[in-house]
Amino acid sequence: MKKEDYHAGKQKKGLFHFIFPVEYDFEAMLIAQAEKTLECVNTLMEWLQRTPLEEPRLLQQLESNVDAMRYEMEERLLASFSTPFDRQDIYSLSRQMDYIVNYSYEIAREMHAFKVQPDDAICSMTQALLQGTRCMAAGVKVMSKDKKRVEDLIRSARSSMHTIDDLYIHSMADLFQSDNAMDAIRKREVYHHLRDAGRALRATVDLLHHAVVGLS
C-alpha cells in the first residue's frame, strides 16, 4: 500500500468514527465476560477439590451472571451502528465464552446428580481447561494493545487444548477396560462435557485470533 493511500484510509476511518462513534465499549464488555468465564472455570476446579461434592450453586449463579452479560452484549450490538471490530466476531466471541461457562456448570451438575467422584482424568482435564481459559482471558484483555502477546497466549491456550484432547482419549481408553459398566457410563458423560468445554475454548481462541488479525 502506498503511503498516501494508507494515510487516506486512516483519515477516512477517523472521519467515519467521528460521524458514527462507537456507542458502547464492546472491548471492555468482552474483557469483563472473559474474566467471569475464567472465574467460572476456576470455581469448577475448586469445587472438584471439595469432597463430598456439594450442589454447585455458585457455578449456577456464575452461569446466570454470564448469560446476563451476553444478553446485554447482544442487545447493544443490535442497537449500535458502529463497532470497534467486526460485529459477528464480537457476537461469536461472546457466545463461545458462554459455552465454556455452560459446560463448566453442566459438568458439576452432572457429577453431583450422577454421584461421580473426581478422578485423575477429570481433575487433569479441568486443570488444562483452566490453564487454557486463563490464557484466553489474558489475550482478550490485551487484544487491541499487544498483538505479539496475544499470539503467544493463543499458542499457550492451544497447547492446553491439545492436552485436553490427549487426556480425553487416554481416559476413555482406560474407561473401556473398566469392569464397572455403570460407573464407566457416568464418567463418560463427564469426560465428554470436558472435551466439549475444550472445543468451546478452541473456538473462542480461533475467534480471538481472527479478531486480532482484523484489528491489525
N, C-alpha and C. Protein backbone atom coordinates (compact mmCIF):
# COMPACT_ATOMS: atom_id res chain seq x y z
N MET A 1 0.84 -1.20 0.00
CA MET A 1 0.00 0.00 0.00
C MET A 1 0.88 1.25 0.00
N LYS A 2 0.53 2.22 -0.84
CA LYS A 2 1.27 3.47 -0.88
C LYS A 2 1.04 4.27 0.39
N LYS A 3 2.05 5.07 0.74
CA LYS A 3 1.97 5.86 1.97
C LYS A 3 0.76 6.78 1.96
N GLU A 4 0.52 7.41 0.80
CA GLU A 4 -0.60 8.35 0.73
C GLU A 4 -1.94 7.63 0.85
N ASP A 5 -2.02 6.39 0.32
CA ASP A 5 -3.26 5.61 0.42
C ASP A 5 -3.50 5.20 1.87
N TYR A 6 -2.42 4.85 2.56
CA TYR A 6 -2.54 4.46 3.96
C TYR A 6 -3.09 5.61 4.80
N HIS A 7 -2.51 6.80 4.61
CA HIS A 7 -2.97 7.96 5.37
C HIS A 7 -4.40 8.35 5.00
N ALA A 8 -4.75 8.17 3.73
CA ALA A 8 -6.12 8.48 3.31
C ALA A 8 -7.10 7.53 3.98
N GLY A 9 -6.70 6.25 4.07
CA GLY A 9 -7.54 5.28 4.75
C GLY A 9 -7.72 5.61 6.21
N LYS A 10 -6.64 6.04 6.86
CA LYS A 10 -6.70 6.42 8.27
C LYS A 10 -7.62 7.62 8.46
N GLN A 11 -7.52 8.59 7.55
CA GLN A 11 -8.36 9.78 7.66
C GLN A 11 -9.83 9.43 7.45
N LYS A 12 -10.08 8.52 6.47
CA LYS A 12 -11.45 8.11 6.20
C LYS A 12 -12.03 7.38 7.40
N LYS A 13 -11.23 6.49 8.02
CA LYS A 13 -11.69 5.75 9.20
C LYS A 13 -11.97 6.72 10.34
N GLY A 14 -11.07 7.71 10.50
CA GLY A 14 -11.26 8.68 11.57
C GLY A 14 -12.51 9.51 11.36
N LEU A 15 -12.77 9.89 10.11
CA LEU A 15 -13.97 10.66 9.79
C LEU A 15 -15.23 9.82 10.03
N PHE A 16 -15.17 8.53 9.65
CA PHE A 16 -16.32 7.64 9.84
C PHE A 16 -16.67 7.54 11.33
N HIS A 17 -15.63 7.35 12.16
CA HIS A 17 -15.88 7.21 13.59
C HIS A 17 -16.28 8.54 14.24
N PHE A 18 -15.92 9.65 13.60
CA PHE A 18 -16.35 10.95 14.11
C PHE A 18 -17.85 11.14 13.84
N ILE A 19 -18.28 10.69 12.65
CA ILE A 19 -19.69 10.83 12.29
C ILE A 19 -20.54 9.76 12.99
N PHE A 20 -20.00 8.53 13.05
CA PHE A 20 -20.73 7.41 13.65
C PHE A 20 -19.88 6.82 14.78
N PRO A 21 -19.80 7.48 15.91
CA PRO A 21 -18.96 7.00 17.01
C PRO A 21 -19.48 5.69 17.59
N VAL A 22 -18.56 4.91 18.16
CA VAL A 22 -18.94 3.67 18.83
C VAL A 22 -19.68 4.03 20.11
N GLU A 23 -20.93 3.57 20.23
CA GLU A 23 -21.76 3.95 21.37
C GLU A 23 -21.37 3.22 22.65
N TYR A 24 -20.91 1.98 22.52
CA TYR A 24 -20.62 1.15 23.69
C TYR A 24 -19.19 0.63 23.61
N ASP A 25 -18.63 0.40 24.78
CA ASP A 25 -17.26 -0.13 24.84
C ASP A 25 -17.34 -1.66 24.80
N PHE A 26 -17.46 -2.20 23.59
CA PHE A 26 -17.61 -3.65 23.44
C PHE A 26 -16.36 -4.40 23.89
N GLU A 27 -15.22 -3.79 23.70
CA GLU A 27 -13.99 -4.46 24.13
C GLU A 27 -13.97 -4.64 25.65
N ALA A 28 -14.39 -3.61 26.37
CA ALA A 28 -14.45 -3.72 27.84
C ALA A 28 -15.47 -4.77 28.25
N MET A 29 -16.56 -4.87 27.51
CA MET A 29 -17.57 -5.88 27.82
C MET A 29 -17.04 -7.29 27.59
N LEU A 30 -16.27 -7.48 26.53
CA LEU A 30 -15.66 -8.78 26.27
C LEU A 30 -14.63 -9.13 27.35
N ILE A 31 -13.86 -8.14 27.77
CA ILE A 31 -12.88 -8.37 28.84
C ILE A 31 -13.58 -8.80 30.12
N ALA A 32 -14.67 -8.12 30.46
CA ALA A 32 -15.42 -8.47 31.67
C ALA A 32 -15.97 -9.89 31.57
N GLN A 33 -16.47 -10.26 30.40
CA GLN A 33 -17.01 -11.60 30.23
C GLN A 33 -15.90 -12.65 30.27
N ALA A 34 -14.75 -12.34 29.70
CA ALA A 34 -13.61 -13.28 29.74
C ALA A 34 -13.16 -13.51 31.16
N GLU A 35 -13.12 -12.44 31.95
CA GLU A 35 -12.72 -12.58 33.36
C GLU A 35 -13.73 -13.42 34.13
N LYS A 36 -15.02 -13.23 33.85
CA LYS A 36 -16.06 -14.01 34.52
C LYS A 36 -16.02 -15.48 34.07
N THR A 37 -15.67 -15.70 32.81
CA THR A 37 -15.51 -17.07 32.32
C THR A 37 -14.37 -17.77 33.04
N LEU A 38 -13.26 -17.07 33.21
CA LEU A 38 -12.12 -17.62 33.96
C LEU A 38 -12.51 -17.91 35.40
N GLU A 39 -13.26 -17.01 36.00
CA GLU A 39 -13.73 -17.23 37.38
C GLU A 39 -14.57 -18.50 37.48
N CYS A 40 -15.39 -18.73 36.47
CA CYS A 40 -16.26 -19.90 36.48
C CYS A 40 -15.44 -21.19 36.41
N VAL A 41 -14.47 -21.26 35.50
CA VAL A 41 -13.65 -22.47 35.37
C VAL A 41 -12.81 -22.68 36.62
N ASN A 42 -12.31 -21.59 37.19
CA ASN A 42 -11.55 -21.70 38.43
C ASN A 42 -12.45 -22.20 39.57
N THR A 43 -13.69 -21.75 39.59
CA THR A 43 -14.64 -22.22 40.60
C THR A 43 -14.92 -23.71 40.43
N LEU A 44 -15.00 -24.18 39.18
CA LEU A 44 -15.17 -25.61 38.92
C LEU A 44 -13.99 -26.39 39.49
N MET A 45 -12.78 -25.90 39.25
CA MET A 45 -11.58 -26.57 39.74
C MET A 45 -11.59 -26.64 41.27
N GLU A 46 -11.96 -25.56 41.91
CA GLU A 46 -12.02 -25.53 43.37
C GLU A 46 -13.13 -26.44 43.89
N TRP A 47 -14.26 -26.48 43.18
CA TRP A 47 -15.39 -27.32 43.57
C TRP A 47 -15.00 -28.80 43.56
N LEU A 48 -14.21 -29.20 42.57
CA LEU A 48 -13.77 -30.59 42.45
C LEU A 48 -12.89 -31.02 43.62
N GLN A 49 -12.26 -30.06 44.25
CA GLN A 49 -11.33 -30.38 45.33
C GLN A 49 -12.01 -30.51 46.68
N ARG A 50 -13.33 -30.26 46.70
CA ARG A 50 -14.08 -30.38 47.96
C ARG A 50 -14.98 -31.62 47.90
N THR A 51 -14.67 -32.59 48.77
CA THR A 51 -15.47 -33.81 48.81
C THR A 51 -16.01 -34.02 50.22
N PRO A 52 -17.22 -34.57 50.35
CA PRO A 52 -18.10 -34.96 49.23
C PRO A 52 -18.58 -33.74 48.46
N LEU A 53 -18.84 -33.94 47.17
CA LEU A 53 -19.23 -32.83 46.31
C LEU A 53 -20.59 -32.28 46.71
N GLU A 54 -20.65 -30.97 46.88
CA GLU A 54 -21.90 -30.31 47.24
C GLU A 54 -22.59 -29.84 45.97
N GLU A 55 -23.83 -29.42 46.09
CA GLU A 55 -24.56 -28.90 44.94
C GLU A 55 -23.86 -27.64 44.43
N PRO A 56 -23.60 -27.55 43.12
CA PRO A 56 -22.80 -26.44 42.57
C PRO A 56 -23.59 -25.13 42.42
N ARG A 57 -24.04 -24.59 43.53
CA ARG A 57 -24.88 -23.38 43.47
C ARG A 57 -24.11 -22.17 42.96
N LEU A 58 -22.82 -22.04 43.36
CA LEU A 58 -22.04 -20.89 42.92
C LEU A 58 -21.83 -20.93 41.40
N LEU A 59 -21.58 -22.12 40.87
CA LEU A 59 -21.42 -22.24 39.42
C LEU A 59 -22.73 -21.89 38.70
N GLN A 60 -23.83 -22.29 39.28
CA GLN A 60 -25.13 -21.94 38.69
C GLN A 60 -25.32 -20.43 38.66
N GLN A 61 -24.94 -19.75 39.73
CA GLN A 61 -25.06 -18.30 39.80
C GLN A 61 -24.14 -17.63 38.79
N LEU A 62 -22.93 -18.14 38.68
CA LEU A 62 -21.98 -17.58 37.71
C LEU A 62 -22.48 -17.75 36.29
N GLU A 63 -23.08 -18.90 36.00
CA GLU A 63 -23.62 -19.13 34.67
C GLU A 63 -24.73 -18.11 34.37
N SER A 64 -25.60 -17.85 35.35
CA SER A 64 -26.66 -16.86 35.17
C SER A 64 -26.09 -15.47 34.94
N ASN A 65 -25.03 -15.14 35.66
CA ASN A 65 -24.39 -13.83 35.51
C ASN A 65 -23.81 -13.66 34.10
N VAL A 66 -23.15 -14.71 33.61
CA VAL A 66 -22.56 -14.63 32.28
C VAL A 66 -23.64 -14.57 31.21
N ASP A 67 -24.73 -15.30 31.40
CA ASP A 67 -25.85 -15.21 30.46
C ASP A 67 -26.36 -13.77 30.38
N ALA A 68 -26.48 -13.12 31.53
CA ALA A 68 -26.96 -11.74 31.56
C ALA A 68 -26.00 -10.81 30.83
N MET A 69 -24.70 -11.05 30.99
CA MET A 69 -23.69 -10.24 30.30
C MET A 69 -23.80 -10.43 28.79
N ARG A 70 -24.00 -11.68 28.37
CA ARG A 70 -24.10 -11.96 26.94
C ARG A 70 -25.37 -11.34 26.35
N TYR A 71 -26.49 -11.42 27.06
CA TYR A 71 -27.74 -10.83 26.57
C TYR A 71 -27.61 -9.31 26.42
N GLU A 72 -26.93 -8.70 27.38
CA GLU A 72 -26.71 -7.25 27.30
C GLU A 72 -25.85 -6.91 26.08
N MET A 73 -24.81 -7.74 25.85
CA MET A 73 -23.95 -7.54 24.69
C MET A 73 -24.76 -7.62 23.40
N GLU A 74 -25.62 -8.63 23.30
CA GLU A 74 -26.41 -8.80 22.09
C GLU A 74 -27.37 -7.63 21.87
N GLU A 75 -27.99 -7.15 22.93
CA GLU A 75 -28.90 -6.01 22.81
C GLU A 75 -28.16 -4.77 22.31
N ARG A 76 -26.97 -4.56 22.83
CA ARG A 76 -26.21 -3.37 22.44
C ARG A 76 -25.65 -3.51 21.03
N LEU A 77 -25.33 -4.73 20.62
CA LEU A 77 -24.89 -4.93 19.24
C LEU A 77 -26.02 -4.58 18.27
N LEU A 78 -27.24 -4.95 18.62
CA LEU A 78 -28.39 -4.64 17.76
C LEU A 78 -28.66 -3.14 17.72
N ALA A 79 -28.40 -2.46 18.84
CA ALA A 79 -28.70 -1.03 18.93
C ALA A 79 -27.57 -0.16 18.39
N SER A 80 -26.38 -0.73 18.26
CA SER A 80 -25.22 0.07 17.89
C SER A 80 -25.02 0.12 16.38
N PHE A 81 -24.72 1.31 15.88
CA PHE A 81 -24.44 1.46 14.45
C PHE A 81 -23.01 1.09 14.12
N SER A 82 -22.09 1.44 15.02
CA SER A 82 -20.67 1.23 14.77
C SER A 82 -20.07 0.37 15.88
N THR A 83 -19.13 -0.51 15.50
CA THR A 83 -18.44 -1.35 16.47
C THR A 83 -16.93 -1.24 16.22
N PRO A 84 -16.10 -1.51 17.26
CA PRO A 84 -14.66 -1.35 17.11
C PRO A 84 -14.02 -2.37 16.17
N PHE A 85 -14.64 -3.54 16.02
CA PHE A 85 -14.22 -4.51 15.03
C PHE A 85 -15.44 -5.32 14.61
N ASP A 86 -15.26 -6.30 13.75
CA ASP A 86 -16.37 -7.00 13.12
C ASP A 86 -17.46 -7.39 14.12
N ARG A 87 -18.69 -7.01 13.80
CA ARG A 87 -19.84 -7.26 14.67
C ARG A 87 -20.04 -8.76 14.93
N GLN A 88 -19.87 -9.56 13.88
CA GLN A 88 -20.04 -11.01 14.02
C GLN A 88 -18.97 -11.60 14.93
N ASP A 89 -17.75 -11.08 14.86
CA ASP A 89 -16.67 -11.55 15.74
C ASP A 89 -17.00 -11.27 17.20
N ILE A 90 -17.54 -10.09 17.46
CA ILE A 90 -17.91 -9.72 18.83
C ILE A 90 -18.97 -10.68 19.36
N TYR A 91 -20.01 -10.89 18.54
CA TYR A 91 -21.11 -11.77 18.95
C TYR A 91 -20.60 -13.20 19.18
N SER A 92 -19.83 -13.72 18.22
CA SER A 92 -19.38 -15.11 18.29
C SER A 92 -18.40 -15.33 19.43
N LEU A 93 -17.52 -14.36 19.67
CA LEU A 93 -16.57 -14.47 20.77
C LEU A 93 -17.31 -14.53 22.10
N SER A 94 -18.30 -13.69 22.26
CA SER A 94 -19.11 -13.70 23.47
C SER A 94 -19.87 -15.02 23.61
N ARG A 95 -20.41 -15.51 22.51
CA ARG A 95 -21.20 -16.75 22.56
C ARG A 95 -20.33 -17.95 22.92
N GLN A 96 -19.15 -18.03 22.35
CA GLN A 96 -18.28 -19.18 22.63
C GLN A 96 -17.76 -19.15 24.08
N MET A 97 -17.48 -17.97 24.60
CA MET A 97 -17.10 -17.90 26.02
C MET A 97 -18.24 -18.40 26.89
N ASP A 98 -19.47 -18.07 26.49
CA ASP A 98 -20.64 -18.53 27.24
C ASP A 98 -20.75 -20.05 27.22
N TYR A 99 -20.38 -20.67 26.11
CA TYR A 99 -20.39 -22.13 26.04
C TYR A 99 -19.43 -22.75 27.06
N ILE A 100 -18.26 -22.13 27.23
CA ILE A 100 -17.30 -22.64 28.22
C ILE A 100 -17.94 -22.65 29.61
N VAL A 101 -18.63 -21.57 29.92
CA VAL A 101 -19.31 -21.46 31.22
C VAL A 101 -20.44 -22.49 31.32
N ASN A 102 -21.23 -22.62 30.26
CA ASN A 102 -22.33 -23.59 30.27
C ASN A 102 -21.84 -25.00 30.54
N TYR A 103 -20.78 -25.39 29.84
CA TYR A 103 -20.24 -26.74 30.02
C TYR A 103 -19.64 -26.91 31.41
N SER A 104 -19.01 -25.88 31.93
CA SER A 104 -18.43 -25.97 33.27
C SER A 104 -19.51 -26.25 34.31
N TYR A 105 -20.62 -25.56 34.18
CA TYR A 105 -21.73 -25.79 35.11
C TYR A 105 -22.34 -27.18 34.91
N GLU A 106 -22.52 -27.58 33.64
CA GLU A 106 -23.11 -28.88 33.36
C GLU A 106 -22.24 -30.02 33.90
N ILE A 107 -20.93 -29.85 33.82
CA ILE A 107 -20.01 -30.87 34.36
C ILE A 107 -20.27 -31.06 35.85
N ALA A 108 -20.32 -29.96 36.57
CA ALA A 108 -20.55 -30.04 38.02
C ALA A 108 -21.95 -30.55 38.33
N ARG A 109 -22.92 -30.08 37.57
CA ARG A 109 -24.31 -30.50 37.79
C ARG A 109 -24.47 -32.01 37.60
N GLU A 110 -23.87 -32.54 36.53
CA GLU A 110 -23.98 -33.98 36.26
C GLU A 110 -23.21 -34.80 37.29
N MET A 111 -22.03 -34.32 37.66
CA MET A 111 -21.26 -35.06 38.66
C MET A 111 -22.02 -35.17 39.97
N HIS A 112 -22.65 -34.07 40.35
CA HIS A 112 -23.42 -34.09 41.60
C HIS A 112 -24.65 -35.00 41.47
N ALA A 113 -25.35 -34.90 40.35
CA ALA A 113 -26.56 -35.69 40.16
C ALA A 113 -26.26 -37.18 39.98
N PHE A 114 -25.18 -37.48 39.27
CA PHE A 114 -24.86 -38.88 38.97
C PHE A 114 -23.95 -39.50 40.04
N LYS A 115 -23.57 -38.67 41.04
CA LYS A 115 -22.68 -39.13 42.11
C LYS A 115 -21.35 -39.64 41.55
N VAL A 116 -20.77 -38.85 40.67
CA VAL A 116 -19.45 -39.15 40.10
C VAL A 116 -18.39 -38.44 40.93
N GLN A 117 -17.44 -39.20 41.42
CA GLN A 117 -16.35 -38.62 42.19
C GLN A 117 -15.21 -38.19 41.27
N PRO A 118 -14.55 -37.08 41.57
CA PRO A 118 -13.45 -36.61 40.73
C PRO A 118 -12.33 -37.66 40.70
N ASP A 119 -11.87 -38.00 39.50
CA ASP A 119 -10.71 -38.88 39.36
C ASP A 119 -9.57 -38.09 38.72
N ASP A 120 -8.45 -38.76 38.48
CA ASP A 120 -7.30 -38.05 37.91
C ASP A 120 -7.61 -37.46 36.55
N ALA A 121 -8.40 -38.17 35.74
CA ALA A 121 -8.73 -37.69 34.40
C ALA A 121 -9.55 -36.40 34.46
N ILE A 122 -10.57 -36.40 35.30
CA ILE A 122 -11.43 -35.22 35.43
C ILE A 122 -10.64 -34.03 35.94
N CYS A 123 -9.84 -34.25 36.97
CA CYS A 123 -9.07 -33.15 37.54
C CYS A 123 -8.02 -32.63 36.55
N SER A 124 -7.37 -33.54 35.82
CA SER A 124 -6.33 -33.13 34.86
C SER A 124 -6.92 -32.37 33.69
N MET A 125 -8.06 -32.83 33.17
CA MET A 125 -8.70 -32.13 32.06
C MET A 125 -9.20 -30.76 32.50
N THR A 126 -9.73 -30.70 33.72
CA THR A 126 -10.20 -29.40 34.24
C THR A 126 -9.04 -28.44 34.44
N GLN A 127 -7.92 -28.95 34.91
CA GLN A 127 -6.74 -28.11 35.09
C GLN A 127 -6.24 -27.57 33.75
N ALA A 128 -6.26 -28.41 32.71
CA ALA A 128 -5.86 -27.96 31.38
C ALA A 128 -6.85 -26.93 30.84
N LEU A 129 -8.14 -27.15 31.10
CA LEU A 129 -9.16 -26.18 30.69
C LEU A 129 -8.94 -24.84 31.39
N LEU A 130 -8.62 -24.90 32.66
CA LEU A 130 -8.37 -23.67 33.43
C LEU A 130 -7.16 -22.93 32.87
N GLN A 131 -6.09 -23.66 32.58
CA GLN A 131 -4.89 -23.01 32.05
C GLN A 131 -5.17 -22.37 30.69
N GLY A 132 -5.89 -23.08 29.84
CA GLY A 132 -6.22 -22.52 28.53
C GLY A 132 -7.15 -21.32 28.63
N THR A 133 -8.11 -21.38 29.54
CA THR A 133 -9.04 -20.25 29.74
C THR A 133 -8.30 -19.05 30.31
N ARG A 134 -7.34 -19.30 31.17
CA ARG A 134 -6.53 -18.21 31.72
C ARG A 134 -5.78 -17.48 30.60
N CYS A 135 -5.22 -18.24 29.66
CA CYS A 135 -4.52 -17.63 28.52
C CYS A 135 -5.50 -16.87 27.63
N MET A 136 -6.68 -17.46 27.39
CA MET A 136 -7.69 -16.80 26.57
C MET A 136 -8.11 -15.47 27.18
N ALA A 137 -8.39 -15.46 28.48
CA ALA A 137 -8.83 -14.24 29.15
C ALA A 137 -7.75 -13.16 29.11
N ALA A 138 -6.51 -13.57 29.30
CA ALA A 138 -5.40 -12.61 29.23
C ALA A 138 -5.26 -12.06 27.81
N GLY A 139 -5.53 -12.90 26.81
CA GLY A 139 -5.46 -12.45 25.42
C GLY A 139 -6.54 -11.44 25.08
N VAL A 140 -7.75 -11.68 25.55
CA VAL A 140 -8.86 -10.74 25.33
C VAL A 140 -8.53 -9.39 25.96
N LYS A 141 -7.89 -9.43 27.10
CA LYS A 141 -7.57 -8.19 27.83
C LYS A 141 -6.63 -7.29 27.06
N VAL A 142 -5.73 -7.86 26.25
CA VAL A 142 -4.74 -7.04 25.52
C VAL A 142 -4.94 -7.14 24.01
N MET A 143 -6.11 -7.58 23.56
CA MET A 143 -6.31 -7.87 22.14
C MET A 143 -6.06 -6.67 21.23
N SER A 144 -6.31 -5.46 21.69
CA SER A 144 -6.09 -4.28 20.84
C SER A 144 -4.81 -3.53 21.21
N LYS A 145 -4.07 -4.08 22.16
CA LYS A 145 -2.90 -3.35 22.67
C LYS A 145 -1.57 -4.03 22.37
N ASP A 146 -1.55 -5.36 22.32
CA ASP A 146 -0.28 -6.07 22.20
C ASP A 146 -0.49 -7.34 21.39
N LYS A 147 -0.40 -7.22 20.08
CA LYS A 147 -0.66 -8.35 19.18
C LYS A 147 0.30 -9.50 19.44
N LYS A 148 1.57 -9.19 19.66
CA LYS A 148 2.57 -10.24 19.90
C LYS A 148 2.22 -11.02 21.16
N ARG A 149 1.80 -10.35 22.21
CA ARG A 149 1.41 -11.01 23.45
C ARG A 149 0.20 -11.90 23.23
N VAL A 150 -0.76 -11.41 22.45
CA VAL A 150 -1.95 -12.20 22.17
C VAL A 150 -1.57 -13.48 21.43
N GLU A 151 -0.69 -13.37 20.45
CA GLU A 151 -0.28 -14.54 19.68
C GLU A 151 0.40 -15.58 20.57
N ASP A 152 1.24 -15.11 21.50
CA ASP A 152 1.90 -16.02 22.44
C ASP A 152 0.87 -16.72 23.34
N LEU A 153 -0.11 -15.96 23.81
CA LEU A 153 -1.15 -16.52 24.67
C LEU A 153 -2.02 -17.52 23.91
N ILE A 154 -2.29 -17.23 22.64
CA ILE A 154 -3.07 -18.15 21.82
C ILE A 154 -2.33 -19.48 21.65
N ARG A 155 -1.04 -19.42 21.43
CA ARG A 155 -0.26 -20.66 21.31
C ARG A 155 -0.33 -21.47 22.60
N SER A 156 -0.21 -20.79 23.73
CA SER A 156 -0.28 -21.47 25.02
C SER A 156 -1.67 -22.09 25.25
N ALA A 157 -2.72 -21.35 24.88
CA ALA A 157 -4.08 -21.87 25.03
C ALA A 157 -4.28 -23.10 24.16
N ARG A 158 -3.76 -23.07 22.95
CA ARG A 158 -3.90 -24.22 22.06
C ARG A 158 -3.14 -25.44 22.59
N SER A 159 -2.05 -25.21 23.24
CA SER A 159 -1.32 -26.31 23.87
C SER A 159 -2.18 -26.97 24.95
N SER A 160 -2.89 -26.17 25.71
CA SER A 160 -3.79 -26.71 26.74
C SER A 160 -4.93 -27.50 26.10
N MET A 161 -5.41 -27.04 24.95
CA MET A 161 -6.49 -27.75 24.27
C MET A 161 -6.02 -29.11 23.76
N HIS A 162 -4.79 -29.17 23.27
CA HIS A 162 -4.23 -30.45 22.85
C HIS A 162 -4.12 -31.40 24.04
N THR A 163 -3.77 -30.85 25.19
CA THR A 163 -3.68 -31.65 26.41
C THR A 163 -5.03 -32.26 26.76
N ILE A 164 -6.09 -31.45 26.65
CA ILE A 164 -7.45 -31.96 26.92
C ILE A 164 -7.79 -33.10 25.98
N ASP A 165 -7.50 -32.93 24.70
CA ASP A 165 -7.80 -33.98 23.71
C ASP A 165 -7.05 -35.27 24.04
N ASP A 166 -5.76 -35.14 24.37
CA ASP A 166 -4.96 -36.32 24.69
C ASP A 166 -5.47 -37.02 25.94
N LEU A 167 -5.77 -36.22 26.96
CA LEU A 167 -6.28 -36.80 28.21
C LEU A 167 -7.62 -37.49 27.98
N TYR A 168 -8.46 -36.89 27.16
CA TYR A 168 -9.77 -37.49 26.87
C TYR A 168 -9.61 -38.86 26.22
N ILE A 169 -8.76 -38.95 25.22
CA ILE A 169 -8.58 -40.22 24.50
C ILE A 169 -8.02 -41.29 25.42
N HIS A 170 -6.97 -40.94 26.18
CA HIS A 170 -6.36 -41.93 27.08
C HIS A 170 -7.32 -42.33 28.20
N SER A 171 -8.06 -41.38 28.71
CA SER A 171 -9.00 -41.67 29.80
C SER A 171 -10.16 -42.54 29.32
N MET A 172 -10.65 -42.28 28.12
CA MET A 172 -11.71 -43.10 27.57
C MET A 172 -11.21 -44.52 27.30
N ALA A 173 -9.99 -44.64 26.84
CA ALA A 173 -9.42 -45.97 26.61
C ALA A 173 -9.35 -46.75 27.91
N ASP A 174 -8.94 -46.09 28.98
CA ASP A 174 -8.90 -46.75 30.29
C ASP A 174 -10.30 -47.12 30.78
N LEU A 175 -11.25 -46.21 30.49
CA LEU A 175 -12.62 -46.43 30.95
C LEU A 175 -13.24 -47.67 30.29
N PHE A 176 -12.88 -47.89 29.03
CA PHE A 176 -13.42 -49.04 28.31
C PHE A 176 -12.91 -50.37 28.87
N GLN A 177 -11.84 -50.29 29.66
CA GLN A 177 -11.30 -51.50 30.28
C GLN A 177 -11.91 -51.77 31.66
N SER A 178 -12.79 -50.85 32.09
CA SER A 178 -13.37 -50.97 33.42
C SER A 178 -14.37 -52.13 33.50
N ASP A 179 -14.41 -52.77 34.65
CA ASP A 179 -15.37 -53.85 34.89
C ASP A 179 -16.71 -53.31 35.40
N ASN A 180 -16.71 -52.03 35.79
CA ASN A 180 -17.93 -51.40 36.32
C ASN A 180 -18.59 -50.59 35.20
N ALA A 181 -19.52 -51.22 34.51
CA ALA A 181 -20.13 -50.58 33.34
C ALA A 181 -20.90 -49.32 33.70
N MET A 182 -21.65 -49.33 34.81
CA MET A 182 -22.44 -48.17 35.19
C MET A 182 -21.55 -46.98 35.54
N ASP A 183 -20.48 -47.25 36.27
CA ASP A 183 -19.53 -46.18 36.61
C ASP A 183 -18.90 -45.62 35.35
N ALA A 184 -18.59 -46.48 34.40
CA ALA A 184 -17.98 -46.05 33.14
C ALA A 184 -18.94 -45.15 32.35
N ILE A 185 -20.22 -45.50 32.34
CA ILE A 185 -21.21 -44.70 31.62
C ILE A 185 -21.33 -43.31 32.24
N ARG A 186 -21.36 -43.25 33.56
CA ARG A 186 -21.48 -41.95 34.24
C ARG A 186 -20.24 -41.08 33.98
N LYS A 187 -19.07 -41.68 34.09
CA LYS A 187 -17.84 -40.91 33.89
C LYS A 187 -17.69 -40.49 32.43
N ARG A 188 -18.16 -41.32 31.53
CA ARG A 188 -18.07 -40.98 30.11
C ARG A 188 -18.79 -39.66 29.82
N GLU A 189 -19.95 -39.45 30.46
CA GLU A 189 -20.69 -38.21 30.26
C GLU A 189 -19.87 -37.01 30.71
N VAL A 190 -19.20 -37.14 31.85
CA VAL A 190 -18.39 -36.05 32.37
C VAL A 190 -17.18 -35.79 31.48
N TYR A 191 -16.49 -36.86 31.08
CA TYR A 191 -15.34 -36.71 30.18
C TYR A 191 -15.76 -36.01 28.89
N HIS A 192 -16.92 -36.41 28.38
CA HIS A 192 -17.40 -35.85 27.11
C HIS A 192 -17.66 -34.35 27.24
N HIS A 193 -18.26 -33.93 28.35
CA HIS A 193 -18.52 -32.50 28.53
C HIS A 193 -17.22 -31.71 28.74
N LEU A 194 -16.24 -32.33 29.35
CA LEU A 194 -14.95 -31.66 29.49
C LEU A 194 -14.31 -31.46 28.12
N ARG A 195 -14.42 -32.44 27.25
CA ARG A 195 -13.92 -32.27 25.89
C ARG A 195 -14.72 -31.19 25.16
N ASP A 196 -16.04 -31.15 25.37
CA ASP A 196 -16.87 -30.10 24.76
C ASP A 196 -16.43 -28.71 25.23
N ALA A 197 -16.11 -28.60 26.51
CA ALA A 197 -15.62 -27.31 27.04
C ALA A 197 -14.31 -26.94 26.37
N GLY A 198 -13.45 -27.94 26.15
CA GLY A 198 -12.19 -27.68 25.45
C GLY A 198 -12.42 -27.24 24.01
N ARG A 199 -13.42 -27.81 23.36
CA ARG A 199 -13.73 -27.41 21.99
C ARG A 199 -14.30 -25.99 21.95
N ALA A 200 -15.10 -25.64 22.95
CA ALA A 200 -15.61 -24.26 23.04
C ALA A 200 -14.46 -23.28 23.24
N LEU A 201 -13.48 -23.70 24.05
CA LEU A 201 -12.29 -22.86 24.24
C LEU A 201 -11.53 -22.72 22.93
N ARG A 202 -11.42 -23.82 22.17
CA ARG A 202 -10.73 -23.76 20.88
C ARG A 202 -11.41 -22.77 19.94
N ALA A 203 -12.74 -22.82 19.87
CA ALA A 203 -13.48 -21.90 19.01
C ALA A 203 -13.30 -20.45 19.48
N THR A 204 -13.28 -20.25 20.79
CA THR A 204 -13.09 -18.90 21.34
C THR A 204 -11.73 -18.35 20.95
N VAL A 205 -10.70 -19.18 21.08
CA VAL A 205 -9.34 -18.75 20.75
C VAL A 205 -9.21 -18.47 19.24
N ASP A 206 -9.83 -19.29 18.42
CA ASP A 206 -9.79 -19.05 16.97
C ASP A 206 -10.46 -17.72 16.63
N LEU A 207 -11.58 -17.43 17.28
CA LEU A 207 -12.26 -16.16 17.05
C LEU A 207 -11.44 -14.98 17.54
N LEU A 208 -10.77 -15.16 18.67
CA LEU A 208 -9.89 -14.11 19.18
C LEU A 208 -8.79 -13.82 18.18
N HIS A 209 -8.22 -14.88 17.62
CA HIS A 209 -7.16 -14.70 16.63
C HIS A 209 -7.68 -13.95 15.40
N HIS A 210 -8.87 -14.33 14.94
CA HIS A 210 -9.47 -13.67 13.78
C HIS A 210 -9.73 -12.19 14.06
N ALA A 211 -10.21 -11.89 15.27
CA ALA A 211 -10.50 -10.50 15.64
C ALA A 211 -9.22 -9.68 15.70
N VAL A 212 -8.17 -10.26 16.24
CA VAL A 212 -6.88 -9.55 16.35
C VAL A 212 -6.31 -9.27 14.97
N VAL A 213 -6.42 -10.25 14.07
CA VAL A 213 -5.96 -10.02 12.69
C VAL A 213 -6.75 -8.88 12.04
N GLY A 214 -8.06 -8.84 12.33
CA GLY A 214 -8.89 -7.77 11.78
C GLY A 214 -8.54 -6.39 12.32
N LEU A 215 -8.01 -6.36 13.55
CA LEU A 215 -7.62 -5.10 14.17
C LEU A 215 -6.28 -4.59 13.67
N SER A 216 -5.52 -5.47 13.00
CA SER A 216 -4.15 -5.10 12.58
C SER A 216 -4.17 -4.06 11.48
